C-alpha atoms as a PDB file:
ATOM      1  CA  UNK A   1       7.404  57.851 -54.863  1.00  0.00           C
ATOM      2  CA  UNK A   2       8.902  59.663 -51.879  1.00  0.00           C
ATOM      3  CA  UNK A   3      12.552  60.729 -51.761  1.00  0.00           C
ATOM      4  CA  UNK A   4      14.548  57.865 -50.053  1.00  0.00           C
ATOM      5  CA  UNK A   5      17.034  58.841 -47.234  1.00  0.00           C
ATOM      6  CA  UNK A   6      19.851  57.166 -45.444  1.00  0.00           C
ATOM      7  CA  UNK A   7      17.208  56.675 -42.884  1.00  0.00           C
ATOM      8  CA  UNK A   8      14.611  54.671 -44.879  1.00  0.00           C
ATOM      9  CA  UNK A   9      17.696  52.460 -45.780  1.00  0.00           C
ATOM     10  CA  UNK A  10      18.776  52.037 -42.294  1.00  0.00           C
ATOM     11  CA  UNK A  11      15.490  51.171 -41.078  1.00  0.00           C
ATOM     12  CA  UNK A  12      14.890  48.556 -43.773  1.00  0.00           C
ATOM     13  CA  UNK A  13      18.432  46.997 -43.382  1.00  0.00           C
ATOM     14  CA  UNK A  14      18.259  47.008 -39.590  1.00  0.00           C
ATOM     15  CA  UNK A  15      21.208  49.170 -38.833  1.00  0.00           C
ATOM     16  CA  UNK A  16      22.064  52.578 -37.826  1.00  0.00           C
ATOM     17  CA  UNK A  17      22.112  55.466 -40.114  1.00  0.00           C
ATOM     18  CA  UNK A  18      25.992  55.970 -39.208  1.00  0.00           C
ATOM     19  CA  UNK A  19      26.261  52.512 -40.365  1.00  0.00           C
ATOM     20  CA  UNK A  20      24.773  53.329 -44.053  1.00  0.00           C
ATOM     21  CA  UNK A  21      26.918  56.330 -44.179  1.00  0.00           C
ATOM     22  CA  UNK A  22      30.112  54.014 -43.699  1.00  0.00           C
ATOM     23  CA  UNK A  23      28.889  51.871 -46.449  1.00  0.00           C
ATOM     24  CA  UNK A  24      28.674  54.755 -48.734  1.00  0.00           C
ATOM     25  CA  UNK A  25      32.040  56.124 -47.682  1.00  0.00           C
ATOM     26  CA  UNK A  26      33.398  52.650 -48.102  1.00  0.00           C
ATOM     27  CA  UNK A  27      34.660  52.445 -44.571  1.00  0.00           C
ATOM     28  CA  UNK A  28      36.323  49.300 -43.723  1.00  0.00           C
ATOM     29  CA  UNK A  29      34.734  49.275 -40.089  1.00  0.00           C
ATOM     30  CA  UNK A  30      31.525  47.326 -41.375  1.00  0.00           C
ATOM     31  CA  UNK A  31      30.731  43.738 -41.130  1.00  0.00           C
ATOM     32  CA  UNK A  32      30.485  42.158 -44.259  1.00  0.00           C
ATOM     33  CA  UNK A  33      26.784  40.980 -43.679  1.00  0.00           C
ATOM     34  CA  UNK A  34      25.644  44.408 -43.225  1.00  0.00           C
ATOM     35  CA  UNK A  35      27.546  46.004 -45.829  1.00  0.00           C
ATOM     36  CA  UNK A  36      26.008  43.529 -48.054  1.00  0.00           C
ATOM     37  CA  UNK A  37      22.386  44.307 -47.081  1.00  0.00           C
ATOM     38  CA  UNK A  38      22.830  48.021 -46.968  1.00  0.00           C
ATOM     39  CA  UNK A  39      24.395  47.703 -50.696  1.00  0.00           C
ATOM     40  CA  UNK A  40      21.521  45.567 -52.064  1.00  0.00           C
ATOM     41  CA  UNK A  41      19.253  48.210 -50.523  1.00  0.00           C
ATOM     42  CA  UNK A  42      21.325  51.238 -52.263  1.00  0.00           C
ATOM     43  CA  UNK A  43      21.106  49.182 -55.380  1.00  0.00           C
ATOM     44  CA  UNK A  44      17.398  48.411 -55.138  1.00  0.00           C
ATOM     45  CA  UNK A  45      16.388  51.708 -54.619  1.00  0.00           C
ATOM     46  CA  UNK A  46      18.561  53.566 -56.949  1.00  0.00           C
ATOM     47  CA  UNK A  47      20.247  55.468 -53.950  1.00  0.00           C
ATOM     48  CA  UNK A  48      22.089  58.358 -54.670  1.00  0.00           C
ATOM     49  CA  UNK A  49      23.380  60.463 -51.784  1.00  0.00           C
ATOM     50  CA  UNK A  50      23.818  64.218 -52.524  1.00  0.00           C
ATOM     51  CA  UNK A  51      27.658  65.253 -52.386  1.00  0.00           C
ATOM     52  CA  UNK A  52      27.652  66.398 -48.625  1.00  0.00           C
ATOM     53  CA  UNK A  53      26.220  63.065 -47.637  1.00  0.00           C
ATOM     54  CA  UNK A  54      28.979  61.391 -49.874  1.00  0.00           C
ATOM     55  CA  UNK A  55      31.692  63.017 -47.761  1.00  0.00           C
ATOM     56  CA  UNK A  56      30.217  61.788 -44.467  1.00  0.00           C
ATOM     57  CA  UNK A  57      32.344  60.238 -41.878  1.00  0.00           C
ATOM     58  CA  UNK A  58      32.365  59.673 -37.797  1.00  0.00           C
ATOM     59  CA  UNK A  59      33.824  62.755 -37.517  1.00  0.00           C
ATOM     60  CA  UNK A  60      32.077  65.627 -35.907  1.00  0.00           C
ATOM     61  CA  UNK A  61      32.372  68.996 -36.118  1.00  0.00           C
ATOM     62  CA  UNK A  62      31.660  71.588 -32.832  1.00  0.00           C
ATOM     63  CA  UNK A  63      28.665  72.787 -34.375  1.00  0.00           C
ATOM     64  CA  UNK A  64      25.316  72.391 -32.608  1.00  0.00           C
ATOM     65  CA  UNK A  65      22.031  71.956 -34.810  1.00  0.00           C
ATOM     66  CA  UNK A  66      19.109  73.862 -33.221  1.00  0.00           C
ATOM     67  CA  UNK A  67      15.658  72.996 -34.675  1.00  0.00           C
ATOM     68  CA  UNK A  68      12.808  75.168 -33.716  1.00  0.00           C
ATOM     69  CA  UNK A  69       8.930  75.102 -34.586  1.00  0.00           C
ATOM     70  CA  UNK A  70       8.765  79.100 -35.572  1.00  0.00           C
ATOM     71  CA  UNK A  71      11.797  81.369 -34.527  1.00  0.00           C
ATOM     72  CA  UNK A  72       8.974  84.167 -35.501  1.00  0.00           C
ATOM     73  CA  UNK A  73       7.501  83.341 -32.148  1.00  0.00           C
ATOM     74  CA  UNK A  74       9.240  85.706 -29.631  1.00  0.00           C
ATOM     75  CA  UNK A  75       9.595  82.511 -27.367  1.00  0.00           C
ATOM     76  CA  UNK A  76      11.443  80.564 -29.519  1.00  0.00           C
ATOM     77  CA  UNK A  77      13.758  83.597 -30.586  1.00  0.00           C
ATOM     78  CA  UNK A  78      14.646  84.189 -26.923  1.00  0.00           C
ATOM     79  CA  UNK A  79      15.500  80.381 -26.260  1.00  0.00           C
ATOM     80  CA  UNK A  80      17.475  80.457 -29.590  1.00  0.00           C
ATOM     81  CA  UNK A  81      19.743  83.270 -28.467  1.00  0.00           C
ATOM     82  CA  UNK A  82      20.198  82.066 -25.058  1.00  0.00           C
ATOM     83  CA  UNK A  83      21.241  78.843 -26.912  1.00  0.00           C
ATOM     84  CA  UNK A  84      23.785  80.547 -29.149  1.00  0.00           C
ATOM     85  CA  UNK A  85      25.159  82.536 -26.419  1.00  0.00           C
ATOM     86  CA  UNK A  86      25.748  79.332 -24.165  1.00  0.00           C
ATOM     87  CA  UNK A  87      27.179  77.528 -27.073  1.00  0.00           C
ATOM     88  CA  UNK A  88      29.684  80.264 -28.161  1.00  0.00           C
ATOM     89  CA  UNK A  89      30.875  80.264 -24.238  1.00  0.00           C
ATOM     90  CA  UNK A  90      31.133  76.456 -24.578  1.00  0.00           C
ATOM     91  CA  UNK A  91      33.506  76.779 -27.905  1.00  0.00           C
ATOM     92  CA  UNK A  92      30.782  75.532 -30.333  1.00  0.00           C
ATOM     93  CA  UNK A  93      28.875  77.328 -33.062  1.00  0.00           C
ATOM     94  CA  UNK A  94      25.179  76.465 -34.143  1.00  0.00           C
ATOM     95  CA  UNK A  95      23.051  75.899 -36.949  1.00  0.00           C
ATOM     96  CA  UNK A  96      19.318  77.179 -36.890  1.00  0.00           C
ATOM     97  CA  UNK A  97      16.869  75.601 -38.958  1.00  0.00           C
ATOM     98  CA  UNK A  98      12.657  76.191 -38.432  1.00  0.00           C
ATOM     99  CA  UNK A  99      10.605  73.241 -38.684  1.00  0.00           C
ATOM    100  CA  UNK A 100       7.269  75.080 -38.621  1.00  0.00           C
ATOM    101  CA  UNK A 101       5.664  72.262 -36.891  1.00  0.00           C
ATOM    102  CA  UNK A 102       5.550  69.889 -40.082  1.00  0.00           C
ATOM    103  CA  UNK A 103       6.867  66.623 -39.355  1.00  0.00           C
ATOM    104  CA  UNK A 104       8.155  66.126 -43.023  1.00  0.00           C
ATOM    105  CA  UNK A 105      10.371  69.188 -42.383  1.00  0.00           C
ATOM    106  CA  UNK A 106      11.613  67.852 -38.874  1.00  0.00           C
ATOM    107  CA  UNK A 107      12.448  64.507 -40.593  1.00  0.00           C
ATOM    108  CA  UNK A 108      14.403  66.500 -43.329  1.00  0.00           C
ATOM    109  CA  UNK A 109      16.285  68.670 -41.157  1.00  0.00           C
ATOM    110  CA  UNK A 110      17.476  65.838 -38.657  1.00  0.00           C
ATOM    111  CA  UNK A 111      18.972  64.343 -41.983  1.00  0.00           C
ATOM    112  CA  UNK A 112      20.581  68.027 -42.697  1.00  0.00           C
ATOM    113  CA  UNK A 113      21.892  68.010 -39.535  1.00  0.00           C
ATOM    114  CA  UNK A 114      23.399  64.352 -39.852  1.00  0.00           C
ATOM    115  CA  UNK A 115      24.862  65.617 -43.163  1.00  0.00           C
ATOM    116  CA  UNK A 116      26.217  68.348 -41.516  1.00  0.00           C
ATOM    117  CA  UNK A 117      28.209  66.109 -38.770  1.00  0.00           C
ATOM    118  CA  UNK A 118      26.790  67.983 -36.200  1.00  0.00           C
ATOM    119  CA  UNK A 119      28.128  67.059 -32.614  1.00  0.00           C
ATOM    120  CA  UNK A 120      24.544  67.396 -31.115  1.00  0.00           C
ATOM    121  CA  UNK A 121      20.767  68.535 -31.903  1.00  0.00           C
ATOM    122  CA  UNK A 122      18.310  70.570 -29.667  1.00  0.00           C
ATOM    123  CA  UNK A 123      15.237  70.575 -30.794  1.00  0.00           C
ATOM    124  CA  UNK A 124      12.451  73.047 -29.571  1.00  0.00           C
ATOM    125  CA  UNK A 125       9.023  72.553 -30.430  1.00  0.00           C
ATOM    126  CA  UNK A 126       7.043  70.667 -33.320  1.00  0.00           C
ATOM    127  CA  UNK A 127       6.835  66.893 -32.138  1.00  0.00           C
ATOM    128  CA  UNK A 128       8.695  67.142 -29.177  1.00  0.00           C
ATOM    129  CA  UNK A 129       5.506  69.374 -27.773  1.00  0.00           C
ATOM    130  CA  UNK A 130       3.167  66.148 -28.462  1.00  0.00           C
ATOM    131  CA  UNK A 131       1.189  65.042 -25.774  1.00  0.00           C
ATOM    132  CA  UNK A 132       1.347  61.697 -27.586  1.00  0.00           C
ATOM    133  CA  UNK A 133       4.393  61.000 -29.148  1.00  0.00           C
ATOM    134  CA  UNK A 134       4.399  60.313 -32.808  1.00  0.00           C
ATOM    135  CA  UNK A 135       5.624  56.674 -33.572  1.00  0.00           C
ATOM    136  CA  UNK A 136       6.832  57.090 -37.179  1.00  0.00           C
ATOM    137  CA  UNK A 137       9.004  60.440 -35.665  1.00  0.00           C
ATOM    138  CA  UNK A 138      10.192  58.280 -32.857  1.00  0.00           C
ATOM    139  CA  UNK A 139      11.780  55.591 -35.202  1.00  0.00           C
ATOM    140  CA  UNK A 140      13.555  58.023 -37.094  1.00  0.00           C
ATOM    141  CA  UNK A 141      15.069  59.867 -34.030  1.00  0.00           C
ATOM    142  CA  UNK A 142      16.017  56.551 -32.338  1.00  0.00           C
ATOM    143  CA  UNK A 143      18.138  55.817 -35.823  1.00  0.00           C
ATOM    144  CA  UNK A 144      19.654  59.390 -35.285  1.00  0.00           C
ATOM    145  CA  UNK A 145      20.759  59.292 -31.693  1.00  0.00           C
ATOM    146  CA  UNK A 146      22.094  55.879 -32.102  1.00  0.00           C
ATOM    147  CA  UNK A 147      25.061  58.285 -33.375  1.00  0.00           C
ATOM    148  CA  UNK A 148      24.349  61.695 -32.292  1.00  0.00           C
ATOM    149  CA  UNK A 149      22.766  62.885 -28.841  1.00  0.00           C
ATOM    150  CA  UNK A 150      19.527  64.812 -29.011  1.00  0.00           C
ATOM    151  CA  UNK A 151      17.907  67.393 -26.450  1.00  0.00           C
ATOM    152  CA  UNK A 152      14.265  68.495 -26.378  1.00  0.00           C
ATOM    153  CA  UNK A 153      12.399  70.856 -24.649  1.00  0.00           C
ATOM    154  CA  UNK A 154       9.568  68.373 -24.383  1.00  0.00           C
ATOM    155  CA  UNK A 155       9.328  65.007 -24.744  1.00  0.00           C
ATOM    156  CA  UNK A 156       9.549  62.119 -26.966  1.00  0.00           C
ATOM    157  CA  UNK A 157       8.148  59.011 -25.305  1.00  0.00           C
ATOM    158  CA  UNK A 158      10.183  55.786 -26.543  1.00  0.00           C
ATOM    159  CA  UNK A 159      13.408  57.522 -27.396  1.00  0.00           C
ATOM    160  CA  UNK A 160      16.742  58.320 -25.582  1.00  0.00           C
ATOM    161  CA  UNK A 161      16.284  62.111 -25.575  1.00  0.00           C
ATOM    162  CA  UNK A 162      17.618  64.278 -23.230  1.00  0.00           C
ATOM    163  CA  UNK A 163      14.815  66.454 -21.781  1.00  0.00           C
ATOM    164  CA  UNK A 164      15.034  70.126 -20.487  1.00  0.00           C
ATOM    165  CA  UNK A 165      11.709  71.327 -19.745  1.00  0.00           C
ATOM    166  CA  UNK A 166      10.372  74.406 -17.666  1.00  0.00           C
ATOM    167  CA  UNK A 167       8.094  73.353 -14.556  1.00  0.00           C
ATOM    168  CA  UNK A 168       4.683  73.688 -16.203  1.00  0.00           C
ATOM    169  CA  UNK A 169       3.176  72.883 -12.907  1.00  0.00           C
ATOM    170  CA  UNK A 170       4.831  75.787 -11.136  1.00  0.00           C
ATOM    171  CA  UNK A 171       4.565  78.347 -13.649  1.00  0.00           C
ATOM    172  CA  UNK A 172       0.472  77.641 -13.530  1.00  0.00           C
ATOM    173  CA  UNK A 173       0.842  78.106  -9.938  1.00  0.00           C
ATOM    174  CA  UNK A 174       2.893  81.056  -9.912  1.00  0.00           C
ATOM    175  CA  UNK A 175      -0.179  83.043 -12.217  1.00  0.00           C
ATOM    176  CA  UNK A 176      -3.339  81.394 -10.174  1.00  0.00           C
ATOM    177  CA  UNK A 177      -1.923  82.145  -7.111  1.00  0.00           C
ATOM    178  CA  UNK A 178      -1.331  85.695  -7.838  1.00  0.00           C
ATOM    179  CA  UNK A 179      -4.809  86.101  -9.395  1.00  0.00           C
ATOM    180  CA  UNK A 180      -6.576  84.452  -6.607  1.00  0.00           C
ATOM    181  CA  UNK A 181      -4.518  86.729  -4.033  1.00  0.00           C
ATOM    182  CA  UNK A 182      -5.996  89.677  -6.064  1.00  0.00           C
ATOM    183  CA  UNK A 183      -9.452  88.393  -5.498  1.00  0.00           C
ATOM    184  CA  UNK A 184     -10.166  87.096  -8.728  1.00  0.00           C
ATOM    185  CA  UNK A 185     -12.655  83.877  -8.850  1.00  0.00           C
ATOM    186  CA  UNK A 186     -13.823  84.073 -12.672  1.00  0.00           C
ATOM    187  CA  UNK A 187     -10.634  82.963 -14.162  1.00  0.00           C
ATOM    188  CA  UNK A 188     -10.193  81.989 -17.846  1.00  0.00           C
ATOM    189  CA  UNK A 189      -7.549  80.084 -20.216  1.00  0.00           C
ATOM    190  CA  UNK A 190      -7.038  81.508 -23.431  1.00  0.00           C
ATOM    191  CA  UNK A 191      -5.754  79.944 -26.842  1.00  0.00           C
ATOM    192  CA  UNK A 192      -3.401  76.891 -26.830  1.00  0.00           C
ATOM    193  CA  UNK A 193      -4.320  73.244 -27.619  1.00  0.00           C
ATOM    194  CA  UNK A 194      -4.865  70.641 -24.976  1.00  0.00           C
ATOM    195  CA  UNK A 195      -3.074  67.983 -27.194  1.00  0.00           C
ATOM    196  CA  UNK A 196       0.602  69.913 -26.528  1.00  0.00           C
ATOM    197  CA  UNK A 197       2.163  68.848 -23.574  1.00  0.00           C
ATOM    198  CA  UNK A 198       2.917  72.015 -21.633  1.00  0.00           C
ATOM    199  CA  UNK A 199      -0.547  73.127 -22.414  1.00  0.00           C
ATOM    200  CA  UNK A 200      -2.341  70.152 -20.901  1.00  0.00           C
ATOM    201  CA  UNK A 201      -0.149  69.900 -17.947  1.00  0.00           C
ATOM    202  CA  UNK A 202      -0.986  73.594 -17.255  1.00  0.00           C
ATOM    203  CA  UNK A 203      -4.738  72.884 -18.076  1.00  0.00           C
ATOM    204  CA  UNK A 204      -4.705  69.865 -15.434  1.00  0.00           C
ATOM    205  CA  UNK A 205      -2.928  72.459 -12.684  1.00  0.00           C
ATOM    206  CA  UNK A 206      -5.521  74.941 -13.435  1.00  0.00           C
ATOM    207  CA  UNK A 207      -8.392  72.743 -12.917  1.00  0.00           C
ATOM    208  CA  UNK A 208      -6.760  71.442  -9.459  1.00  0.00           C
ATOM    209  CA  UNK A 209      -6.079  74.703  -8.371  1.00  0.00           C
ATOM    210  CA  UNK A 210      -9.823  75.854  -8.656  1.00  0.00           C
ATOM    211  CA  UNK A 211     -10.605  72.534  -6.936  1.00  0.00           C
ATOM    212  CA  UNK A 212      -8.181  73.328  -4.044  1.00  0.00           C
ATOM    213  CA  UNK A 213      -9.718  76.907  -3.605  1.00  0.00           C
ATOM    214  CA  UNK A 214     -13.186  75.556  -4.007  1.00  0.00           C
ATOM    215  CA  UNK A 215     -13.516  77.457  -6.905  1.00  0.00           C
ATOM    216  CA  UNK A 216     -16.139  76.339  -9.774  1.00  0.00           C
ATOM    217  CA  UNK A 217     -14.609  75.153 -12.990  1.00  0.00           C
ATOM    218  CA  UNK A 218     -16.540  76.319 -15.816  1.00  0.00           C
ATOM    219  CA  UNK A 219     -16.146  74.661 -19.189  1.00  0.00           C
ATOM    220  CA  UNK A 220     -16.704  78.140 -21.372  1.00  0.00           C
ATOM    221  CA  UNK A 221     -13.852  79.663 -19.592  1.00  0.00           C
ATOM    222  CA  UNK A 222     -11.191  77.397 -21.557  1.00  0.00           C
ATOM    223  CA  UNK A 223     -11.009  78.209 -24.940  1.00  0.00           C
ATOM    224  CA  UNK A 224      -8.386  76.285 -27.422  1.00  0.00           C
ATOM    225  CA  UNK A 225      -6.508  78.567 -30.236  1.00  0.00           C
ATOM    226  CA  UNK A 226      -3.310  78.772 -31.948  1.00  0.00           C
ATOM    227  CA  UNK A 227      -0.256  80.189 -30.233  1.00  0.00           C
ATOM    228  CA  UNK A 228      -0.500  83.693 -32.038  1.00  0.00           C
ATOM    229  CA  UNK A 229      -1.874  86.987 -32.229  1.00  0.00           C
ATOM    230  CA  UNK A 230      -5.006  85.854 -33.839  1.00  0.00           C
ATOM    231  CA  UNK A 231      -5.501  82.929 -31.602  1.00  0.00           C
ATOM    232  CA  UNK A 232      -5.403  85.419 -28.599  1.00  0.00           C
ATOM    233  CA  UNK A 233      -7.859  87.964 -30.351  1.00  0.00           C
ATOM    234  CA  UNK A 234     -10.164  84.916 -31.254  1.00  0.00           C
ATOM    235  CA  UNK A 235     -10.208  83.223 -27.878  1.00  0.00           C
ATOM    236  CA  UNK A 236     -11.107  86.605 -26.597  1.00  0.00           C
ATOM    237  CA  UNK A 237     -13.794  87.343 -28.525  1.00  0.00           C
ATOM    238  CA  UNK A 238     -15.284  84.239 -27.516  1.00  0.00           C
ATOM    239  CA  UNK A 239     -14.983  84.587 -23.881  1.00  0.00           C
ATOM    240  CA  UNK A 240     -16.904  87.892 -24.735  1.00  0.00           C
ATOM    241  CA  UNK A 241     -20.077  85.578 -25.572  1.00  0.00           C
ATOM    242  CA  UNK A 242     -19.882  84.129 -21.971  1.00  0.00           C
ATOM    243  CA  UNK A 243     -23.111  84.735 -19.896  1.00  0.00           C
ATOM    244  CA  UNK A 244     -20.778  86.155 -17.147  1.00  0.00           C
ATOM    245  CA  UNK A 245     -17.231  87.555 -18.038  1.00  0.00           C
ATOM    246  CA  UNK A 246     -14.106  86.376 -16.766  1.00  0.00           C
ATOM    247  CA  UNK A 247     -12.460  89.009 -14.323  1.00  0.00           C
ATOM    248  CA  UNK A 248      -8.937  87.729 -15.294  1.00  0.00           C
ATOM    249  CA  UNK A 249      -7.629  86.023 -18.458  1.00  0.00           C
ATOM    250  CA  UNK A 250      -4.474  83.650 -18.473  1.00  0.00           C
ATOM    251  CA  UNK A 251      -2.970  83.854 -21.972  1.00  0.00           C
ATOM    252  CA  UNK A 252      -0.943  80.755 -23.188  1.00  0.00           C
ATOM    253  CA  UNK A 253       2.090  83.000 -24.238  1.00  0.00           C
ATOM    254  CA  UNK A 254       2.977  86.988 -24.845  1.00  0.00           C
ATOM    255  CA  UNK A 255       1.958  86.738 -28.256  1.00  0.00           C
ATOM    256  CA  UNK A 256      -1.774  85.531 -27.702  1.00  0.00           C
ATOM    257  CA  UNK A 257      -1.675  88.046 -24.718  1.00  0.00           C
ATOM    258  CA  UNK A 258      -1.280  90.633 -27.682  1.00  0.00           C
ATOM    259  CA  UNK A 259      -4.421  89.715 -29.241  1.00  0.00           C
ATOM    260  CA  UNK A 260      -6.634  88.955 -25.984  1.00  0.00           C
ATOM    261  CA  UNK A 261      -5.822  93.006 -24.970  1.00  0.00           C
ATOM    262  CA  UNK A 262      -6.538  94.757 -27.890  1.00  0.00           C
ATOM    263  CA  UNK A 263     -10.091  92.567 -28.076  1.00  0.00           C
ATOM    264  CA  UNK A 264     -10.640  93.884 -24.598  1.00  0.00           C
ATOM    265  CA  UNK A 265      -9.338  97.204 -25.556  1.00  0.00           C
ATOM    266  CA  UNK A 266     -11.731  96.943 -28.738  1.00  0.00           C
ATOM    267  CA  UNK A 267     -14.841  96.275 -26.238  1.00  0.00           C
ATOM    268  CA  UNK A 268     -14.052  99.565 -24.468  1.00  0.00           C
ATOM    269  CA  UNK A 269     -13.014  97.692 -21.330  1.00  0.00           C
ATOM    270  CA  UNK A 270      -9.675  98.484 -18.841  1.00  0.00           C
ATOM    271  CA  UNK A 271      -6.990  96.238 -18.194  1.00  0.00           C
ATOM    272  CA  UNK A 272      -6.706  95.440 -15.376  1.00  0.00           C
ATOM    273  CA  UNK A 273      -9.867  97.336 -13.598  1.00  0.00           C
ATOM    274  CA  UNK A 274     -12.300  95.452 -16.150  1.00  0.00           C
ATOM    275  CA  UNK A 275     -10.267  92.509 -16.651  1.00  0.00           C
ATOM    276  CA  UNK A 276      -6.747  91.313 -15.922  1.00  0.00           C
ATOM    277  CA  UNK A 277      -4.414  89.733 -18.423  1.00  0.00           C
ATOM    278  CA  UNK A 278      -1.313  87.428 -17.040  1.00  0.00           C
ATOM    279  CA  UNK A 279       0.543  85.492 -19.538  1.00  0.00           C
ATOM    280  CA  UNK A 280       3.458  82.849 -20.070  1.00  0.00           C
ATOM    281  CA  UNK A 281       6.869  83.566 -21.888  1.00  0.00           C
ATOM    282  CA  UNK A 282       8.171  86.859 -20.342  1.00  0.00           C
ATOM    283  CA  UNK A 283       9.545  88.125 -23.627  1.00  0.00           C
ATOM    284  CA  UNK A 284      10.488  91.350 -24.877  1.00  0.00           C
ATOM    285  CA  UNK A 285       6.393  92.011 -25.932  1.00  0.00           C
ATOM    286  CA  UNK A 286       5.657  92.016 -22.165  1.00  0.00           C
ATOM    287  CA  UNK A 287       7.540  95.538 -21.808  1.00  0.00           C
ATOM    288  CA  UNK A 288       6.316  96.939 -24.908  1.00  0.00           C
ATOM    289  CA  UNK A 289       2.690  96.298 -24.433  1.00  0.00           C
ATOM    290  CA  UNK A 290       0.144  98.798 -23.024  1.00  0.00           C
ATOM    291  CA  UNK A 291      -0.613  98.350 -20.155  1.00  0.00           C
ATOM    292  CA  UNK A 292       2.970  96.301 -19.480  1.00  0.00           C
ATOM    293  CA  UNK A 293       2.072  92.512 -19.258  1.00  0.00           C
ATOM    294  CA  UNK A 294       2.381  90.305 -16.033  1.00  0.00           C
ATOM    295  CA  UNK A 295       4.248  87.070 -17.337  1.00  0.00           C
ATOM    296  CA  UNK A 296       5.978  84.109 -15.973  1.00  0.00           C
ATOM    297  CA  UNK A 297       9.903  84.417 -16.910  1.00  0.00           C
ATOM    298  CA  UNK A 298      11.565  81.105 -17.831  1.00  0.00           C
ATOM    299  CA  UNK A 299      14.865  82.295 -17.132  1.00  0.00           C
ATOM    300  CA  UNK A 300      16.275  82.201 -20.743  1.00  0.00           C
ATOM    301  CA  UNK A 301      19.952  82.188 -19.811  1.00  0.00           C
ATOM    302  CA  UNK A 302      19.402  79.422 -17.658  1.00  0.00           C
ATOM    303  CA  UNK A 303      17.136  77.444 -19.541  1.00  0.00           C
ATOM    304  CA  UNK A 304      19.530  78.089 -22.669  1.00  0.00           C
ATOM    305  CA  UNK A 305      22.396  77.077 -20.586  1.00  0.00           C
ATOM    306  CA  UNK A 306      20.928  73.891 -19.323  1.00  0.00           C
ATOM    307  CA  UNK A 307      19.979  72.786 -23.132  1.00  0.00           C
ATOM    308  CA  UNK A 308      23.522  73.501 -24.449  1.00  0.00           C
ATOM    309  CA  UNK A 309      25.441  72.170 -21.336  1.00  0.00           C
ATOM    310  CA  UNK A 310      23.302  68.840 -21.967  1.00  0.00           C
ATOM    311  CA  UNK A 311      24.116  68.704 -25.980  1.00  0.00           C
ATOM    312  CA  UNK A 312      27.694  69.202 -25.237  1.00  0.00           C
ATOM    313  CA  UNK A 313      28.131  66.672 -22.284  1.00  0.00           C
ATOM    314  CA  UNK A 314      26.084  64.063 -24.307  1.00  0.00           C
ATOM    315  CA  UNK A 315      28.200  64.594 -26.996  1.00  0.00           C
ATOM    316  CA  UNK A 316      31.838  64.475 -25.302  1.00  0.00           C
ATOM    317  CA  UNK A 317      30.532  61.127 -23.680  1.00  0.00           C
ATOM    318  CA  UNK A 318      29.786  62.516 -20.176  1.00  0.00           C
ATOM    319  CA  UNK A 319      27.137  61.908 -17.860  1.00  0.00           C
ATOM    320  CA  UNK A 320      23.569  63.903 -18.552  1.00  0.00           C
ATOM    321  CA  UNK A 321      20.539  63.672 -16.392  1.00  0.00           C
ATOM    322  CA  UNK A 322      17.490  62.279 -18.706  1.00  0.00           C
ATOM    323  CA  UNK A 323      15.329  65.122 -17.268  1.00  0.00           C
ATOM    324  CA  UNK A 324      16.045  68.372 -16.079  1.00  0.00           C
ATOM    325  CA  UNK A 325      13.528  71.256 -15.197  1.00  0.00           C
ATOM    326  CA  UNK A 326      13.881  74.754 -15.119  1.00  0.00           C
ATOM    327  CA  UNK A 327      12.354  76.885 -12.466  1.00  0.00           C
ATOM    328  CA  UNK A 328      10.249  79.765 -13.745  1.00  0.00           C
ATOM    329  CA  UNK A 329       9.560  83.107 -11.740  1.00  0.00           C
ATOM    330  CA  UNK A 330       6.519  85.635 -11.984  1.00  0.00           C
ATOM    331  CA  UNK A 331       7.260  89.075 -13.178  1.00  0.00           C
ATOM    332  CA  UNK A 332       4.281  91.294 -12.242  1.00  0.00           C
ATOM    333  CA  UNK A 333       3.008  94.269 -14.090  1.00  0.00           C
ATOM    334  CA  UNK A 334       0.500  96.877 -14.801  1.00  0.00           C
ATOM    335  CA  UNK A 335      -1.790  94.570 -16.747  1.00  0.00           C
ATOM    336  CA  UNK A 336      -2.856  92.817 -13.313  1.00  0.00           C
ATOM    337  CA  UNK A 337      -1.945  95.368 -10.778  1.00  0.00           C
ATOM    338  CA  UNK A 338      -2.738  99.156 -11.521  1.00  0.00           C
ATOM    339  CA  UNK A 339      -0.160 101.603 -10.519  1.00  0.00           C
ATOM    340  CA  UNK A 340      -1.989 102.259  -7.408  1.00  0.00           C
ATOM    341  CA  UNK A 341      -1.263  98.367  -6.467  1.00  0.00           C
ATOM    342  CA  UNK A 342      -4.947  97.575  -6.678  1.00  0.00           C
ATOM    343  CA  UNK A 343      -6.844  95.684  -8.984  1.00  0.00           C
END
């Protein structure tokens, strides 16, 4: 038997989670028929909210709940810090949770945020990265957004979430045009999964740019994998099995680029003279690697400010665009261009 939550009660009763919390706190602003239905379910499941839930009310604190897939990933660390700084400027504090990409944890953390009476939630990664939105999660978020706004860095089809996204198409344009201008025609994509929205969009744009420049698409140059060092390393090892090695590799992020570069160097090849490496995220890793890594910068200060601004404005009843795009820029370093300025 799973633990029953206020969301389960709300879903079965056909009411919002806020209504359930009002019944739990004996709030008079609940219609008798709804109160009776909710109370019956509470008794049916012997539902006992924890002490914090018993103190729920419609009053919200000036706290923004931030749920990230894994703050150990440099990308999420950069975005979180940017959000925290933007929130402080707006007079808000933040509450951080790591979902580790697990749907059950995401559901539990939404309930935690609700219990903490946060003003808004920002979700980075996890189910909002899915190319096809998880219907069960969508239903839970819809219960949540009836009372508290949610801002995501991806999408959740079927919800009223606000979206602040990095322009993935522009990001791929920047890297591909840079590498093609340098003379590369054998360009690989390493790591990442095509069921992730931003990765899929980059993959589609990658194929389109190859077609535009009349460069043959090679299926063996696209290698799926995890978004970390090991995913990058394993992807590069697979590329070394190709009959003809790529002359340039685009990593799905800086973390994976670290593994790609180590694999190339273990094989005794030089970067960028033998194989150029470029990446996404432009985290602190890009400056620490040797050679320094060419990477697409997401303008974290702008990104974090947009996420927080959407969360604060929505929580205060203001007008917010449902979809906003942040334009990235390219930071060129020695992993694609040698010190002499040549490949």
